[in-house]
Protein backbone atom coordinates (compact mmCIF):
# COMPACT_ATOMS: atom_id res chain seq x y z
CA UNK A 1 -21.15 14.38 -42.72
CA UNK A 2 -21.20 10.58 -42.51
CA UNK A 3 -17.70 10.33 -41.11
CA UNK A 4 -18.07 12.76 -38.20
CA UNK A 5 -17.84 11.30 -34.72
CA UNK A 6 -18.15 12.13 -31.04
CA UNK A 7 -16.96 10.32 -27.95
CA UNK A 8 -18.31 11.90 -24.78
CA UNK A 9 -16.95 10.97 -21.39
CA UNK A 10 -19.35 11.43 -18.49
CA UNK A 11 -18.88 11.19 -14.75
CA UNK A 12 -21.70 11.46 -12.23
CA UNK A 13 -24.12 12.58 -14.95
CA UNK A 14 -21.88 15.38 -16.21
CA UNK A 15 -19.79 15.61 -19.39
CA UNK A 16 -16.11 15.83 -18.43
CA UNK A 17 -14.53 15.44 -21.86
CA UNK A 18 -15.61 15.28 -25.51
CA UNK A 19 -13.60 14.08 -28.47
CA UNK A 20 -14.97 15.39 -31.75
CA UNK A 21 -13.78 14.57 -35.25
CA UNK A 22 -14.69 15.25 -38.83
CA UNK A 23 -13.27 12.02 -40.23
CA UNK A 24 -13.06 8.36 -39.26
CA UNK A 25 -15.88 8.72 -36.77
CA UNK A 26 -16.65 5.05 -37.27
CA UNK A 27 -13.80 4.39 -34.80
CA UNK A 28 -15.80 6.05 -31.98
CA UNK A 29 -16.62 2.80 -30.15
CA UNK A 30 -13.03 1.53 -30.36
CA UNK A 31 -11.78 4.88 -29.05
CA UNK A 32 -14.36 4.96 -26.28
CA UNK A 33 -13.38 1.47 -25.13
CA UNK A 34 -9.69 2.43 -24.96
CA UNK A 35 -10.44 5.71 -23.16
CA UNK A 36 -12.55 3.95 -20.57
CA UNK A 37 -9.83 1.34 -19.97
CA UNK A 38 -7.17 4.05 -19.56
CA UNK A 39 -9.23 6.52 -17.52
CA UNK A 40 -8.35 8.92 -15.97
CA UNK A 41 -6.55 10.68 -18.82
CA UNK A 42 -5.74 14.29 -19.61
CA UNK A 43 -6.68 15.91 -22.96
CA UNK A 44 -3.28 15.18 -24.50
CA UNK A 45 -3.50 11.51 -23.55
CA UNK A 46 -7.07 11.32 -24.90
CA UNK A 47 -5.86 12.88 -28.15
CA UNK A 48 -3.12 10.24 -28.44
CA UNK A 49 -5.55 7.39 -27.75
CA UNK A 50 -7.86 8.72 -30.46
CA UNK A 51 -4.96 9.02 -32.91
CA UNK A 52 -3.80 5.49 -32.07
CA UNK A 53 -7.27 4.07 -32.75
CA UNK A 54 -7.72 5.99 -36.00
CA UNK A 55 -10.49 8.26 -34.68
CA UNK A 56 -10.06 11.45 -36.69
CA UNK A 57 -6.78 12.87 -37.86
CA UNK A 58 -4.29 15.46 -36.68
CA UNK A 59 -6.12 18.12 -38.67
CA UNK A 60 -9.67 17.60 -37.42
CA UNK A 61 -9.58 15.84 -34.05
CA UNK A 62 -10.61 18.10 -31.17
CA UNK A 63 -10.60 17.27 -27.46
CA UNK A 64 -12.79 19.52 -25.34
CA UNK A 65 -12.97 19.88 -21.58
CA UNK A 66 -15.05 22.24 -19.50
CA UNK A 67 -12.16 24.73 -19.52
CA UNK A 68 -10.23 24.25 -22.73
CA UNK A 69 -10.16 23.14 -26.36
CA UNK A 70 -7.26 20.95 -27.48
CA UNK A 71 -7.59 20.75 -31.23
CA UNK A 72 -6.16 19.77 -34.56
CA UNK A 73 -4.60 22.12 -37.07
CA UNK A 74 -7.37 23.10 -39.45
CA UNK A 75 -10.49 23.68 -37.39
CA UNK A 76 -10.97 27.20 -36.07
CA UNK A 77 -12.12 27.85 -32.54
CA UNK A 78 -15.87 27.92 -32.27
CA UNK A 79 -18.06 29.09 -29.47
CA UNK A 80 -20.14 25.96 -30.09
CA UNK A 81 -17.40 23.76 -28.63
CA UNK A 82 -17.73 25.30 -25.18
CA UNK A 83 -21.36 26.45 -25.25
CA UNK A 84 -22.63 22.95 -26.11
CA UNK A 85 -20.09 21.05 -24.06
CA UNK A 86 -22.64 19.76 -21.55
CA UNK A 87 -24.70 18.05 -24.29
CA UNK A 88 -22.93 14.72 -24.87
CA UNK A 89 -24.62 14.15 -28.24
CA UNK A 90 -24.14 17.60 -29.78
CA UNK A 91 -21.54 17.89 -32.54
CA UNK A 92 -20.01 21.37 -32.23
CA UNK A 93 -18.35 21.17 -35.63
CA UNK A 94 -21.53 22.58 -37.15
CA UNK A 95 -24.76 24.27 -36.04
CA UNK A 96 -27.00 21.28 -36.81
CA UNK A 97 -25.13 19.42 -34.08
CA UNK A 98 -25.42 15.92 -35.50
CA UNK A 99 -22.80 13.24 -36.03
CA UNK A 100 -23.33 9.79 -37.49
CA UNK A 101 -21.08 8.12 -34.94
CA UNK A 102 -21.68 9.05 -31.27
CA UNK A 103 -20.62 7.05 -28.23
CA UNK A 104 -21.11 8.09 -24.61
CA UNK A 105 -19.16 6.41 -21.83
CA UNK A 106 -19.47 6.71 -18.07
CA UNK A 107 -16.36 6.67 -15.92
């Protein structure tokens, strides 16, 4: 699980978007910096920024908002993505909820 990563975007103390990946999580800080510089962005734009910075891949990168899951090809929908959305550090890819690379930004 050493390559999993999370970038959580917060506004006024509330999570507004989470990017979650199973690979290349070490690019979380780079992705967070680019997201913050480009904010506001929609889920599709966030997905492209993450792809451009090498955070995750098209198969495992998932962008989550309060209302929707915009995801890669191989990860099935999980109730954890929405039920744990408000916890910026929780990794919904698995029940333990941890990720080695987690960055939280405030916009």
